[in-house]
C-alpha atoms as a PDB file:
ATOM      1  CA  MET A   1      13.384   1.129 -21.104  1.00  0.00           C
ATOM      2  CA  ALA A   2      10.469   1.241 -23.526  1.00  0.00           C
ATOM      3  CA  ASN A   3       9.430   1.800 -27.093  1.00  0.00           C
ATOM      4  CA  THR A   4       5.927   1.930 -28.499  1.00  0.00           C
ATOM      5  CA  ASP A   5       5.547  -1.849 -28.609  1.00  0.00           C
ATOM      6  CA  LYS A   6       7.676  -3.304 -25.804  1.00  0.00           C
ATOM      7  CA  LEU A   7       8.428  -2.429 -22.215  1.00  0.00           C
ATOM      8  CA  THR A   8      11.370  -4.003 -20.365  1.00  0.00           C
ATOM      9  CA  LEU A   9      11.538  -3.654 -16.590  1.00  0.00           C
ATOM     10  CA  ILE A  10      13.827  -4.812 -13.827  1.00  0.00           C
ATOM     11  CA  ARG A  11      11.902  -7.783 -12.498  1.00  0.00           C
ATOM     12  CA  PRO A  12       9.303  -6.241 -10.160  1.00  0.00           C
ATOM     13  CA  ASP A  13       8.252  -7.278  -6.668  1.00  0.00           C
ATOM     14  CA  ASP A  14       4.844  -7.447  -5.012  1.00  0.00           C
ATOM     15  CA  TRP A  15       5.027  -5.819  -1.586  1.00  0.00           C
ATOM     16  CA  HIS A  16       1.629  -7.123  -0.433  1.00  0.00           C
ATOM     17  CA  VAL A  17       0.071 -10.429  -1.472  1.00  0.00           C
ATOM     18  CA  HIS A  18      -2.186 -13.098   0.000  1.00  0.00           C
ATOM     19  CA  LEU A  19      -1.212 -16.570  -1.183  1.00  0.00           C
ATOM     20  CA  ARG A  20      -3.415 -18.483   1.293  1.00  0.00           C
ATOM     21  CA  ASP A  21      -2.284 -22.037   2.089  1.00  0.00           C
ATOM     22  CA  SER A  22      -2.553 -25.720   1.182  1.00  0.00           C
ATOM     23  CA  GLU A  23      -4.380 -26.343  -2.115  1.00  0.00           C
ATOM     24  CA  ALA A  24      -4.769 -22.626  -2.818  1.00  0.00           C
ATOM     25  CA  LEU A  25      -1.001 -22.400  -3.356  1.00  0.00           C
ATOM     26  CA  ARG A  26      -1.321 -24.437  -6.561  1.00  0.00           C
ATOM     27  CA  LEU A  27      -2.881 -21.378  -8.225  1.00  0.00           C
ATOM     28  CA  THR A  28      -1.589 -18.389  -6.306  1.00  0.00           C
ATOM     29  CA  VAL A  29       2.124 -19.162  -6.204  1.00  0.00           C
ATOM     30  CA  PRO A  30       2.681 -19.815  -9.943  1.00  0.00           C
ATOM     31  CA  HIS A  31       0.603 -16.756 -10.848  1.00  0.00           C
ATOM     32  CA  THR A  32       2.616 -14.495  -8.547  1.00  0.00           C
ATOM     33  CA  ALA A  33       5.988 -16.051  -9.372  1.00  0.00           C
ATOM     34  CA  ARG A  34       5.610 -15.700 -13.162  1.00  0.00           C
ATOM     35  CA  GLN A  35       6.009 -11.925 -12.918  1.00  0.00           C
ATOM     36  CA  PHE A  36       7.522 -11.019  -9.540  1.00  0.00           C
ATOM     37  CA  GLY A  37      10.958 -11.773  -8.120  1.00  0.00           C
ATOM     38  CA  ARG A  38       9.821 -11.434  -4.513  1.00  0.00           C
ATOM     39  CA  ALA A  39       6.567 -10.931  -2.657  1.00  0.00           C
ATOM     40  CA  ILE A  40       5.681  -9.874   0.870  1.00  0.00           C
ATOM     41  CA  VAL A  41       3.337 -12.670   1.994  1.00  0.00           C
ATOM     42  CA  MET A  42       0.542 -11.791   4.390  1.00  0.00           C
ATOM     43  CA  PRO A  43       0.269 -13.852   7.604  1.00  0.00           C
ATOM     44  CA  ASN A  44      -3.528 -13.849   8.096  1.00  0.00           C
ATOM     45  CA  LEU A  45      -4.121 -17.543   7.512  1.00  0.00           C
ATOM     46  CA  SER A  46      -6.995 -19.247   9.323  1.00  0.00           C
ATOM     47  CA  THR A  47      -4.369 -20.014  11.976  1.00  0.00           C
ATOM     48  CA  PRO A  48      -2.357 -16.784  11.961  1.00  0.00           C
ATOM     49  CA  VAL A  49       1.411 -16.843  11.487  1.00  0.00           C
ATOM     50  CA  ILE A  50       2.508 -15.372  14.812  1.00  0.00           C
ATOM     51  CA  ASN A  51       6.164 -16.417  15.187  1.00  0.00           C
ATOM     52  CA  VAL A  52       9.273 -17.063  13.125  1.00  0.00           C
ATOM     53  CA  ALA A  53       8.980 -20.851  13.241  1.00  0.00           C
ATOM     54  CA  MET A  54       5.456 -20.728  11.811  1.00  0.00           C
ATOM     55  CA  ALA A  55       6.555 -18.240   9.133  1.00  0.00           C
ATOM     56  CA  GLU A  56       9.457 -20.413   8.037  1.00  0.00           C
ATOM     57  CA  ASP A  57       7.224 -23.481   7.820  1.00  0.00           C
ATOM     58  CA  TYR A  58       4.792 -21.477   5.703  1.00  0.00           C
ATOM     59  CA  ALA A  59       7.629 -20.285   3.435  1.00  0.00           C
ATOM     60  CA  HIS A  60       8.628 -23.869   2.721  1.00  0.00           C
ATOM     61  CA  ARG A  61       5.043 -24.783   1.829  1.00  0.00           C
ATOM     62  CA  ILE A  62       5.046 -21.905  -0.653  1.00  0.00           C
ATOM     63  CA  ILE A  63       8.386 -22.937  -2.141  1.00  0.00           C
ATOM     64  CA  GLU A  64       6.982 -26.364  -3.004  1.00  0.00           C
ATOM     65  CA  HIS A  65       4.722 -24.673  -5.565  1.00  0.00           C
ATOM     66  CA  ILE A  66       7.232 -22.374  -7.282  1.00  0.00           C
ATOM     67  CA  PRO A  67       7.720 -23.524 -10.907  1.00  0.00           C
ATOM     68  CA  ALA A  68      11.179 -24.958 -11.474  1.00  0.00           C
ATOM     69  CA  SER A  69      12.065 -22.420 -14.176  1.00  0.00           C
ATOM     70  CA  VAL A  70      11.224 -19.380 -12.019  1.00  0.00           C
ATOM     71  CA  ASP A  71      13.410 -17.398  -9.603  1.00  0.00           C
ATOM     72  CA  PHE A  72      11.012 -16.294  -6.867  1.00  0.00           C
ATOM     73  CA  ARG A  73      11.416 -15.731  -3.133  1.00  0.00           C
ATOM     74  CA  PRO A  74       8.597 -15.295  -0.613  1.00  0.00           C
ATOM     75  CA  LEU A  75       9.291 -12.666   2.041  1.00  0.00           C
ATOM     76  CA  MET A  76       7.456 -13.583   5.220  1.00  0.00           C
ATOM     77  CA  THR A  77       5.676 -11.531   7.861  1.00  0.00           C
ATOM     78  CA  LEU A  78       4.489 -12.060  11.432  1.00  0.00           C
ATOM     79  CA  TYR A  79       0.912 -11.379  12.487  1.00  0.00           C
ATOM     80  CA  LEU A  80       0.877  -9.029  15.456  1.00  0.00           C
ATOM     81  CA  THR A  81      -1.437  -9.740  18.386  1.00  0.00           C
ATOM     82  CA  ASP A  82      -1.944  -8.101  21.763  1.00  0.00           C
ATOM     83  CA  THR A  83       0.520 -10.620  23.196  1.00  0.00           C
ATOM     84  CA  THR A  84       3.327 -10.524  20.600  1.00  0.00           C
ATOM     85  CA  ARG A  85       6.579 -10.436  22.584  1.00  0.00           C
ATOM     86  CA  SER A  86       9.772  -8.469  22.069  1.00  0.00           C
ATOM     87  CA  GLU A  87      11.523 -11.848  21.921  1.00  0.00           C
ATOM     88  CA  ASP A  88       9.498 -12.704  18.805  1.00  0.00           C
ATOM     89  CA  ILE A  89      10.798  -9.530  17.173  1.00  0.00           C
ATOM     90  CA  ALA A  90      14.388 -10.329  18.108  1.00  0.00           C
ATOM     91  CA  GLN A  91      14.052 -13.682  16.327  1.00  0.00           C
ATOM     92  CA  ILE A  92      13.379 -11.892  13.030  1.00  0.00           C
ATOM     93  CA  ASN A  93      16.987 -10.684  12.944  1.00  0.00           C
ATOM     94  CA  ILE A  94      18.274 -14.249  12.684  1.00  0.00           C
ATOM     95  CA  SER A  95      15.632 -15.477  10.252  1.00  0.00           C
ATOM     96  CA  ASP A  96      16.383 -15.971   6.574  1.00  0.00           C
ATOM     97  CA  TRP A  97      12.726 -15.482   5.691  1.00  0.00           C
ATOM     98  CA  VAL A  98      10.893 -12.979   7.900  1.00  0.00           C
ATOM     99  CA  VAL A  99      11.252  -9.304   6.973  1.00  0.00           C
ATOM    100  CA  ALA A 100       8.351  -7.446   8.619  1.00  0.00           C
ATOM    101  CA  CYS A 101       5.346  -7.566  10.939  1.00  0.00           C
ATOM    102  CA  LYS A 102       1.712  -6.954  10.018  1.00  0.00           C
ATOM    103  CA  LEU A 103      -0.772  -4.991  12.097  1.00  0.00           C
ATOM    104  CA  TYR A 104      -4.432  -5.882  11.626  1.00  0.00           C
ATOM    105  CA  PRO A 105      -6.866  -4.008  13.857  1.00  0.00           C
ATOM    106  CA  ALA A 106      -9.049  -6.775  15.283  1.00  0.00           C
ATOM    107  CA  GLY A 107     -12.049  -7.337  13.024  1.00  0.00           C
ATOM    108  CA  ALA A 108     -10.815  -5.137  10.164  1.00  0.00           C
ATOM    109  CA  THR A 109     -10.673  -7.744   7.383  1.00  0.00           C
ATOM    110  CA  THR A 110     -10.325 -11.441   6.516  1.00  0.00           C
ATOM    111  CA  ASN A 111      -8.915 -13.553   9.367  1.00  0.00           C
ATOM    112  CA  SER A 112      -8.249 -10.527  11.556  1.00  0.00           C
ATOM    113  CA  ALA A 113     -10.087 -11.704  14.663  1.00  0.00           C
ATOM    114  CA  HIS A 114      -6.760 -12.317  16.421  1.00  0.00           C
ATOM    115  CA  GLY A 115      -5.481  -8.833  15.566  1.00  0.00           C
ATOM    116  CA  VAL A 116      -4.631  -5.956  17.835  1.00  0.00           C
ATOM    117  CA  THR A 117      -7.451  -4.596  19.997  1.00  0.00           C
ATOM    118  CA  LYS A 118      -5.621  -1.540  21.390  1.00  0.00           C
ATOM    119  CA  LEU A 119      -2.445  -0.061  19.966  1.00  0.00           C
ATOM    120  CA  ASP A 120      -1.103   0.925  23.378  1.00  0.00           C
ATOM    121  CA  LYS A 121      -0.933  -2.772  24.280  1.00  0.00           C
ATOM    122  CA  LEU A 122       1.537  -3.149  21.430  1.00  0.00           C
ATOM    123  CA  TYR A 123       3.912  -0.326  22.369  1.00  0.00           C
ATOM    124  CA  PRO A 124       6.620  -2.550  23.928  1.00  0.00           C
ATOM    125  CA  THR A 125       6.589  -4.646  20.746  1.00  0.00           C
ATOM    126  CA  LEU A 126       6.706  -1.558  18.536  1.00  0.00           C
ATOM    127  CA  ASP A 127       9.655  -0.302  20.553  1.00  0.00           C
ATOM    128  CA  ALA A 128      11.459  -3.578  19.846  1.00  0.00           C
ATOM    129  CA  MET A 129      10.597  -3.278  16.143  1.00  0.00           C
ATOM    130  CA  GLN A 130      12.071   0.219  16.076  1.00  0.00           C
ATOM    131  CA  ARG A 131      15.253  -0.988  17.830  1.00  0.00           C
ATOM    132  CA  TYR A 132      15.687  -3.977  15.501  1.00  0.00           C
ATOM    133  CA  ASP A 133      14.607  -1.956  12.430  1.00  0.00           C
ATOM    134  CA  VAL A 134      11.725  -4.293  11.552  1.00  0.00           C
ATOM    135  CA  PRO A 135       9.131  -2.629   9.273  1.00  0.00           C
ATOM    136  CA  LEU A 136       5.535  -2.343  10.447  1.00  0.00           C
ATOM    137  CA  LEU A 137       2.932  -3.034   7.753  1.00  0.00           C
ATOM    138  CA  ILE A 138      -0.487  -1.625   8.583  1.00  0.00           C
ATOM    139  CA  HIS A 139      -4.042  -2.304   7.515  1.00  0.00           C
ATOM    140  CA  GLY A 140      -5.074   1.233   8.283  1.00  0.00           C
ATOM    141  CA  GLU A 141      -8.716   1.244   9.320  1.00  0.00           C
ATOM    142  CA  VAL A 142     -10.588   1.691  12.559  1.00  0.00           C
ATOM    143  CA  THR A 143     -13.284  -0.878  13.225  1.00  0.00           C
ATOM    144  CA  ARG A 144     -15.726   1.003  15.444  1.00  0.00           C
ATOM    145  CA  THR A 145     -19.240   0.421  14.150  1.00  0.00           C
ATOM    146  CA  GLU A 146     -20.213   4.078  14.503  1.00  0.00           C
ATOM    147  CA  VAL A 147     -17.537   5.113  11.967  1.00  0.00           C
ATOM    148  CA  ASP A 148     -18.779   5.052   8.372  1.00  0.00           C
ATOM    149  CA  ILE A 149     -16.932   2.412   6.352  1.00  0.00           C
ATOM    150  CA  PHE A 150     -15.868   5.028   3.798  1.00  0.00           C
ATOM    151  CA  ASP A 151     -14.225   7.100   6.558  1.00  0.00           C
ATOM    152  CA  ARG A 152     -12.383   4.363   8.434  1.00  0.00           C
ATOM    153  CA  GLU A 153      -9.005   4.910   6.788  1.00  0.00           C
ATOM    154  CA  LYS A 154      -9.080   8.672   7.371  1.00  0.00           C
ATOM    155  CA  VAL A 155     -10.075   8.211  11.019  1.00  0.00           C
ATOM    156  CA  PHE A 156      -7.326   5.615  11.532  1.00  0.00           C
ATOM    157  CA  ILE A 157      -4.713   7.998  10.165  1.00  0.00           C
ATOM    158  CA  ASN A 158      -5.837  10.828  12.423  1.00  0.00           C
ATOM    159  CA  GLU A 159      -6.484   8.840  15.592  1.00  0.00           C
ATOM    160  CA  ARG A 160      -3.932   6.024  15.408  1.00  0.00           C
ATOM    161  CA  LEU A 161      -1.256   6.418  12.759  1.00  0.00           C
ATOM    162  CA  ALA A 162      -0.230  10.020  13.333  1.00  0.00           C
ATOM    163  CA  PRO A 163       0.329   9.466  17.099  1.00  0.00           C
ATOM    164  CA  LEU A 164       2.111   6.167  16.414  1.00  0.00           C
ATOM    165  CA  HIS A 165       4.541   7.817  14.015  1.00  0.00           C
ATOM    166  CA  ARG A 166       5.097  10.610  16.539  1.00  0.00           C
ATOM    167  CA  ASP A 167       5.877   8.092  19.306  1.00  0.00           C
ATOM    168  CA  PHE A 168       8.109   5.878  17.110  1.00  0.00           C
ATOM    169  CA  PRO A 169       9.730   8.261  14.611  1.00  0.00           C
ATOM    170  CA  GLU A 170      12.425   5.782  13.536  1.00  0.00           C
ATOM    171  CA  LEU A 171      10.024   2.891  12.944  1.00  0.00           C
ATOM    172  CA  ARG A 172       9.647   2.078   9.262  1.00  0.00           C
ATOM    173  CA  ILE A 173       5.929   2.026   8.433  1.00  0.00           C
ATOM    174  CA  VAL A 174       4.086   0.930   5.291  1.00  0.00           C
ATOM    175  CA  LEU A 175       0.481   2.060   5.127  1.00  0.00           C
ATOM    176  CA  GLU A 176      -0.822  -0.675   2.888  1.00  0.00           C
ATOM    177  CA  HIS A 177      -3.397  -0.554   0.090  1.00  0.00           C
ATOM    178  CA  ILE A 178      -4.157   3.123   0.609  1.00  0.00           C
ATOM    179  CA  THR A 179      -7.519   4.305  -0.705  1.00  0.00           C
ATOM    180  CA  THR A 180      -7.893   8.017   0.025  1.00  0.00           C
ATOM    181  CA  ALA A 181      -6.439  11.409  -0.764  1.00  0.00           C
ATOM    182  CA  ASP A 182      -6.016  11.721   3.014  1.00  0.00           C
ATOM    183  CA  ALA A 183      -3.618   8.771   3.018  1.00  0.00           C
ATOM    184  CA  VAL A 184      -1.679  10.192   0.082  1.00  0.00           C
ATOM    185  CA  SER A 185      -1.326  13.518   1.890  1.00  0.00           C
ATOM    186  CA  PHE A 186      -0.206  11.868   5.132  1.00  0.00           C
ATOM    187  CA  VAL A 187       2.467   9.761   3.437  1.00  0.00           C
ATOM    188  CA  GLU A 188       3.736  12.697   1.381  1.00  0.00           C
ATOM    189  CA  SER A 189       3.994  14.947   4.424  1.00  0.00           C
ATOM    190  CA  THR A 190       5.754  12.583   6.816  1.00  0.00           C
ATOM    191  CA  SER A 191       9.353  11.434   7.061  1.00  0.00           C
ATOM    192  CA  LYS A 192      11.124   8.993   4.771  1.00  0.00           C
ATOM    193  CA  LYS A 193      10.296   6.282   7.311  1.00  0.00           C
ATOM    194  CA  VAL A 194       6.687   6.165   6.051  1.00  0.00           C
ATOM    195  CA  ALA A 195       5.637   4.679   2.700  1.00  0.00           C
ATOM    196  CA  ALA A 196       2.526   3.209   1.081  1.00  0.00           C
ATOM    197  CA  THR A 197       1.474   0.496  -1.344  1.00  0.00           C
ATOM    198  CA  LEU A 198      -1.096   0.934  -4.103  1.00  0.00           C
ATOM    199  CA  THR A 199      -3.292  -1.817  -5.534  1.00  0.00           C
ATOM    200  CA  PRO A 200      -4.535  -2.154  -9.113  1.00  0.00           C
ATOM    201  CA  GLN A 201      -8.187  -2.109  -8.056  1.00  0.00           C
ATOM    202  CA  HIS A 202      -7.896   1.176  -6.169  1.00  0.00           C
ATOM    203  CA  LEU A 203      -6.113   2.747  -9.152  1.00  0.00           C
ATOM    204  CA  LEU A 204      -8.715   1.445 -11.610  1.00  0.00           C
ATOM    205  CA  PHE A 205     -12.051   1.860  -9.877  1.00  0.00           C
ATOM    206  CA  ASN A 206     -14.132   4.051  -7.614  1.00  0.00           C
ATOM    207  CA  ARG A 207     -17.025   2.862  -5.473  1.00  0.00           C
ATOM    208  CA  ASN A 208     -19.449   2.987  -8.418  1.00  0.00           C
ATOM    209  CA  ALA A 209     -17.746  -0.215  -9.587  1.00  0.00           C
ATOM    210  CA  ILE A 210     -19.296  -2.011  -6.607  1.00  0.00           C
ATOM    211  CA  LEU A 211     -22.677  -0.329  -6.367  1.00  0.00           C
ATOM    212  CA  ALA A 212     -23.829   1.339  -9.598  1.00  0.00           C
ATOM    213  CA  GLY A 213     -26.276  -0.736 -11.651  1.00  0.00           C
ATOM    214  CA  GLY A 214     -26.278  -3.599  -9.157  1.00  0.00           C
ATOM    215  CA  ILE A 215     -23.965  -5.006  -6.528  1.00  0.00           C
ATOM    216  CA  ARG A 216     -20.748  -6.441  -7.981  1.00  0.00           C
ATOM    217  CA  PRO A 217     -19.251  -8.665  -5.290  1.00  0.00           C
ATOM    218  CA  HIS A 218     -16.029  -9.316  -7.198  1.00  0.00           C
ATOM    219  CA  HIS A 219     -15.144  -5.625  -6.810  1.00  0.00           C
ATOM    220  CA  TYR A 220     -15.625  -5.745  -3.045  1.00  0.00           C
ATOM    221  CA  CYS A 221     -12.437  -5.458  -1.031  1.00  0.00           C
ATOM    222  CA  LEU A 222     -11.237  -3.883   2.204  1.00  0.00           C
ATOM    223  CA  PRO A 223     -10.435  -1.095   2.481  1.00  0.00           C
ATOM    224  CA  VAL A 224     -13.447  -0.528   0.260  1.00  0.00           C
ATOM    225  CA  LEU A 225     -13.212   1.480  -2.982  1.00  0.00           C
ATOM    226  CA  LYS A 226     -13.793   5.197  -2.438  1.00  0.00           C
ATOM    227  CA  ARG A 227     -14.995   8.249  -4.414  1.00  0.00           C
ATOM    228  CA  GLU A 228     -13.523   9.207  -7.792  1.00  0.00           C
ATOM    229  CA  GLU A 229     -11.604  12.118  -6.252  1.00  0.00           C
ATOM    230  CA  HIS A 230      -9.707   9.613  -4.108  1.00  0.00           C
ATOM    231  CA  ARG A 231      -8.975   7.304  -7.038  1.00  0.00           C
ATOM    232  CA  ARG A 232      -7.506  10.237  -8.950  1.00  0.00           C
ATOM    233  CA  ALA A 233      -5.328  11.161  -5.971  1.00  0.00           C
ATOM    234  CA  LEU A 234      -4.015   7.591  -5.783  1.00  0.00           C
ATOM    235  CA  LEU A 235      -3.262   7.543  -9.509  1.00  0.00           C
ATOM    236  CA  THR A 236      -1.402  10.831  -9.235  1.00  0.00           C
ATOM    237  CA  ALA A 237       0.675   9.431  -6.370  1.00  0.00           C
ATOM    238  CA  ALA A 238       1.461   6.187  -8.191  1.00  0.00           C
ATOM    239  CA  THR A 239       2.614   7.976 -11.331  1.00  0.00           C
ATOM    240  CA  SER A 240       4.330  10.899  -9.601  1.00  0.00           C
ATOM    241  CA  GLY A 241       7.775   9.354  -9.301  1.00  0.00           C
ATOM    242  CA  ASN A 242       7.638   9.800  -5.508  1.00  0.00           C
ATOM    243  CA  SER A 243       9.623   6.899  -4.032  1.00  0.00           C
ATOM    244  CA  LYS A 244       7.270   6.627  -1.024  1.00  0.00           C
ATOM    245  CA  PHE A 245       4.628   4.927  -3.199  1.00  0.00           C
ATOM    246  CA  PHE A 246       5.183   1.472  -4.653  1.00  0.00           C
ATOM    247  CA  LEU A 247       3.485  -1.658  -5.930  1.00  0.00           C
ATOM    248  CA  GLY A 248       1.473  -3.913  -3.639  1.00  0.00           C
ATOM    249  CA  THR A 249      -1.361  -5.847  -5.235  1.00  0.00           C
ATOM    250  CA  ASP A 250      -3.194  -7.045  -2.128  1.00  0.00           C
ATOM    251  CA  SER A 251      -4.217  -9.941  -4.382  1.00  0.00           C
ATOM    252  CA  ALA A 252      -6.586 -11.928  -2.169  1.00  0.00           C
ATOM    253  CA  PRO A 253      -8.258 -15.059  -3.530  1.00  0.00           C
ATOM    254  CA  HIS A 254     -11.714 -16.188  -2.494  1.00  0.00           C
ATOM    255  CA  ALA A 255     -13.662 -18.940  -4.219  1.00  0.00           C
ATOM    256  CA  ARG A 256     -16.573 -17.728  -6.303  1.00  0.00           C
ATOM    257  CA  SER A 257     -19.117 -19.164  -3.866  1.00  0.00           C
ATOM    258  CA  LYS A 258     -17.547 -17.112  -1.051  1.00  0.00           C
ATOM    259  CA  LYS A 259     -17.962 -13.899  -3.048  1.00  0.00           C
ATOM    260  CA  GLU A 260     -21.399 -14.471  -4.602  1.00  0.00           C
ATOM    261  CA  THR A 261     -23.307 -14.979  -1.373  1.00  0.00           C
ATOM    262  CA  ALA A 262     -25.464 -13.065   1.102  1.00  0.00           C
ATOM    263  CA  CYS A 263     -22.366 -11.968   3.046  1.00  0.00           C
ATOM    264  CA  GLY A 264     -19.539 -12.049   0.529  1.00  0.00           C
ATOM    265  CA  CYS A 265     -15.857 -12.079   1.434  1.00  0.00           C
ATOM    266  CA  ALA A 266     -13.669  -9.019   0.904  1.00  0.00           C
ATOM    267  CA  GLY A 267     -10.800  -9.452  -1.519  1.00  0.00           C
ATOM    268  CA  ILE A 268      -9.898  -9.123  -5.194  1.00  0.00           C
ATOM    269  CA  TYR A 269      -7.689 -11.628  -7.009  1.00  0.00           C
ATOM    270  CA  SER A 270      -5.189  -9.891  -9.296  1.00  0.00           C
ATOM    271  CA  ALA A 271      -2.157 -12.203  -9.270  1.00  0.00           C
ATOM    272  CA  HIS A 272      -3.124 -13.695 -12.642  1.00  0.00           C
ATOM    273  CA  ALA A 273      -2.152 -10.510 -14.548  1.00  0.00           C
ATOM    274  CA  ALA A 274      -0.973  -7.937 -12.041  1.00  0.00           C
ATOM    275  CA  ILE A 275       1.956  -6.402 -13.893  1.00  0.00           C
ATOM    276  CA  GLU A 276      -0.004  -6.291 -17.152  1.00  0.00           C
ATOM    277  CA  ILE A 277      -2.837  -4.458 -15.365  1.00  0.00           C
ATOM    278  CA  TYR A 278      -0.435  -1.965 -13.787  1.00  0.00           C
ATOM    279  CA  ALA A 279       1.089  -1.397 -17.248  1.00  0.00           C
ATOM    280  CA  GLU A 280      -2.400  -0.715 -18.594  1.00  0.00           C
ATOM    281  CA  ILE A 281      -3.047   1.778 -15.779  1.00  0.00           C
ATOM    282  CA  PHE A 282       0.245   3.630 -16.300  1.00  0.00           C
ATOM    283  CA  ASP A 283      -0.215   3.592 -20.087  1.00  0.00           C
ATOM    284  CA  ARG A 284      -3.661   5.205 -19.797  1.00  0.00           C
ATOM    285  CA  ALA A 285      -2.081   7.884 -17.588  1.00  0.00           C
ATOM    286  CA  ASN A 286       0.735   8.486 -20.120  1.00  0.00           C
ATOM    287  CA  ALA A 287       3.201   7.469 -17.419  1.00  0.00           C
ATOM    288  CA  LEU A 288       4.837   4.271 -18.661  1.00  0.00           C
ATOM    289  CA  ASP A 289       8.209   5.865 -17.977  1.00  0.00           C
ATOM    290  CA  LYS A 290       7.315   5.873 -14.257  1.00  0.00           C
ATOM    291  CA  LEU A 291       6.320   2.204 -14.020  1.00  0.00           C
ATOM    292  CA  GLU A 292       9.764   0.659 -13.498  1.00  0.00           C
ATOM    293  CA  ASN A 293      10.555   2.772 -10.464  1.00  0.00           C
ATOM    294  CA  PHE A 294       7.105   2.131  -8.962  1.00  0.00           C
ATOM    295  CA  ALA A 295       7.230  -1.625  -9.620  1.00  0.00           C
ATOM    296  CA  SER A 296      10.927  -2.495  -9.371  1.00  0.00           C
ATOM    297  CA  ARG A 297      12.962   0.094  -7.467  1.00  0.00           C
ATOM    298  CA  PHE A 298      11.026   1.995  -4.804  1.00  0.00           C
ATOM    299  CA  GLY A 299       9.992  -1.093  -2.829  1.00  0.00           C
ATOM    300  CA  PRO A 300      13.491  -2.569  -2.556  1.00  0.00           C
ATOM    301  CA  ASP A 301      14.851   0.868  -1.671  1.00  0.00           C
ATOM    302  CA  PHE A 302      12.445   1.172   1.258  1.00  0.00           C
ATOM    303  CA  TYR A 303      13.101  -2.370   2.507  1.00  0.00           C
ATOM    304  CA  GLY A 304      16.875  -2.045   2.054  1.00  0.00           C
ATOM    305  CA  LEU A 305      17.072  -4.878  -0.473  1.00  0.00           C
ATOM    306  CA  PRO A 306      18.915  -5.069  -3.804  1.00  0.00           C
ATOM    307  CA  TYR A 307      17.040  -4.806  -7.064  1.00  0.00           C
ATOM    308  CA  ASN A 308      16.302  -8.087  -8.795  1.00  0.00           C
ATOM    309  CA  ASN A 309      19.121  -9.059 -11.154  1.00  0.00           C
ATOM    310  CA  ASN A 310      16.948 -10.021 -14.117  1.00  0.00           C
ATOM    311  CA  SER A 311      14.164  -8.418 -16.122  1.00  0.00           C
ATOM    312  CA  ILE A 312      10.750  -8.970 -17.642  1.00  0.00           C
ATOM    313  CA  THR A 313       9.380  -7.749 -20.954  1.00  0.00           C
ATOM    314  CA  LEU A 314       5.838  -6.699 -21.716  1.00  0.00           C
ATOM    315  CA  ALA A 315       4.577  -6.461 -25.290  1.00  0.00           C
ATOM    316  CA  ARG A 316       1.770  -4.262 -26.549  1.00  0.00           C
ATOM    317  CA  THR A 317      -0.404  -7.206 -27.559  1.00  0.00           C
ATOM    318  CA  THR A 318      -4.119  -7.468 -26.874  1.00  0.00           C
ATOM    319  CA  TRP A 319      -5.470 -10.485 -24.993  1.00  0.00           C
ATOM    320  CA  THR A 320      -8.568 -11.316 -22.981  1.00  0.00           C
ATOM    321  CA  ILE A 321      -8.456 -12.187 -19.293  1.00  0.00           C
ATOM    322  CA  PRO A 322     -10.271 -15.482 -18.586  1.00  0.00           C
ATOM    323  CA  ASP A 323     -13.661 -15.339 -16.906  1.00  0.00           C
ATOM    324  CA  ARG A 324     -12.449 -17.673 -14.182  1.00  0.00           C
ATOM    325  CA  TYR A 325      -9.631 -19.903 -12.970  1.00  0.00           C
ATOM    326  CA  SER A 326      -9.860 -23.256 -11.222  1.00  0.00           C
ATOM    327  CA  TYR A 327      -9.341 -22.756  -7.514  1.00  0.00           C
ATOM    328  CA  ILE A 328      -9.207 -25.613  -5.005  1.00  0.00           C
ATOM    329  CA  ASP A 329     -12.405 -27.582  -5.767  1.00  0.00           C
ATOM    330  CA  GLU A 330     -14.328 -24.794  -7.573  1.00  0.00           C
ATOM    331  CA  ASP A 331     -13.323 -21.574  -9.328  1.00  0.00           C
ATOM    332  CA  ILE A 332     -12.313 -17.973  -8.767  1.00  0.00           C
ATOM    333  CA  VAL A 333     -13.260 -14.814 -10.688  1.00  0.00           C
ATOM    334  CA  PRO A 334     -10.161 -12.657 -11.306  1.00  0.00           C
ATOM    335  CA  LEU A 335      -9.841  -8.899 -11.517  1.00  0.00           C
ATOM    336  CA  MET A 336     -11.052  -7.614 -14.905  1.00  0.00           C
ATOM    337  CA  ALA A 337     -12.472 -11.019 -15.825  1.00  0.00           C
ATOM    338  CA  GLY A 338     -13.434 -11.146 -19.502  1.00  0.00           C
ATOM    339  CA  SER A 339     -11.810  -7.773 -20.245  1.00  0.00           C
ATOM    340  CA  GLU A 340      -9.205  -7.027 -22.872  1.00  0.00           C
ATOM    341  CA  LEU A 341      -5.715  -5.909 -21.879  1.00  0.00           C
ATOM    342  CA  ASN A 342      -3.265  -4.232 -24.230  1.00  0.00           C
ATOM    343  CA  TRP A 343      -0.101  -5.498 -22.500  1.00  0.00           C
ATOM    344  CA  THR A 344       1.138  -9.085 -22.337  1.00  0.00           C
ATOM    345  CA  LEU A 345       3.974 -10.478 -20.236  1.00  0.00           C
ATOM    346  CA  LEU A 346       6.303 -12.366 -22.563  1.00  0.00           C
ATOM    347  CA  ALA A 347       7.600 -15.803 -21.597  1.00  0.00           C
ATOM    348  CA  GLN A 348      10.931 -15.589 -19.823  1.00  0.00           C
END
C-alpha cells in the first residue's frame, strides 16, 4: 500500500459533500471529482431537493461539470421535511441516482429552514425507510436556543438519536460530521446499523482555531468545532480501524464575502485538497496504514456498494495551498489556505 514516499489507495469516496448548484458547480465538481470516485451530495439547495425527480435533475446538472477524463458518480439524497411521504421513499428503490435521505432539524444549518420540526412527525417516513432499507443521514444537533451551541450534538444524541435508533433498530443511520467524544461513544456502542463520518476540519482543529487571537470566520462551521479532548477522540476513532467511521468532508463552499461579514455563513471548503489533507492528518498520527480503509472501504461497505475499481497515488511532496480560488463572481478561501502540505495527489 505505501512506502516512505508514495501512498496508493483504492480510489476513495466522499460520503458527505455540498456541491451547491449552477455556477458553483464549475469549481466544486472538478475539485471533488479529481480525487473521489463517488460522493454523497447534500440536498440543501436554496430550493431543497425533496423528491426523486428533483434529485435526478440535480444529478444531471452535476454531470455536466465532470471533467471528461474523470470517472466520478454523484450519489443523490432527498431532503426530509415534515411532509415527506412514504411514496417518495418507495421511488428511491427504482432510481438510478438516489441512495439516501437527509435529516436536517429545522434551523440547524445552511438552508435548513424547510427541515424537520418534530421527529415524531417523520415516523411513518422513517418506517418506510427501514422497510426499503434507505439510509438516514443526520445532522445531529438540537436547535433550541436555550441549549448551548457546544452541547447541541450531545443533547441531540441523548434526546433524539438514541430513541430513534431504539424505535427503528434496522434503519441504517449515519451520524454525519461528528464533533464530540459523546458521538464517538454512541456510534461505537450501538449496532452495526449506525455509522459516522469525520471531516478534516474536526480532525485538525479545536475551537481555539475559531476564537483564539481573533475571530477566524473561515474556520466556522456547523456543528461548530469543540474542545481539544473531543478532537482527540475523533482522531482516535478515525485512525482506529473501526469500520463504523469513514470519510465525509462536509466540504461546503461560501463566497468570501459571505464568510467575512457581521453574520458569517457556516461551512468550510475542503474539496480542493481533501484527500491530501486527510493523508496529512493520518501521517501526523502515524496511521497511514489505516487511511485506505477509512477513505476507500468502510463507506462502501456500509452503503452496500462495491469498492472503486481504480486507484489514486499520493506522493510525499511539499506544496502550498492557494490563498483563494475563483468562485462564481468573486472568490473562496479554502481550508488551510496558504499552508504547506506534505502530500500531493499525482495526476491520474
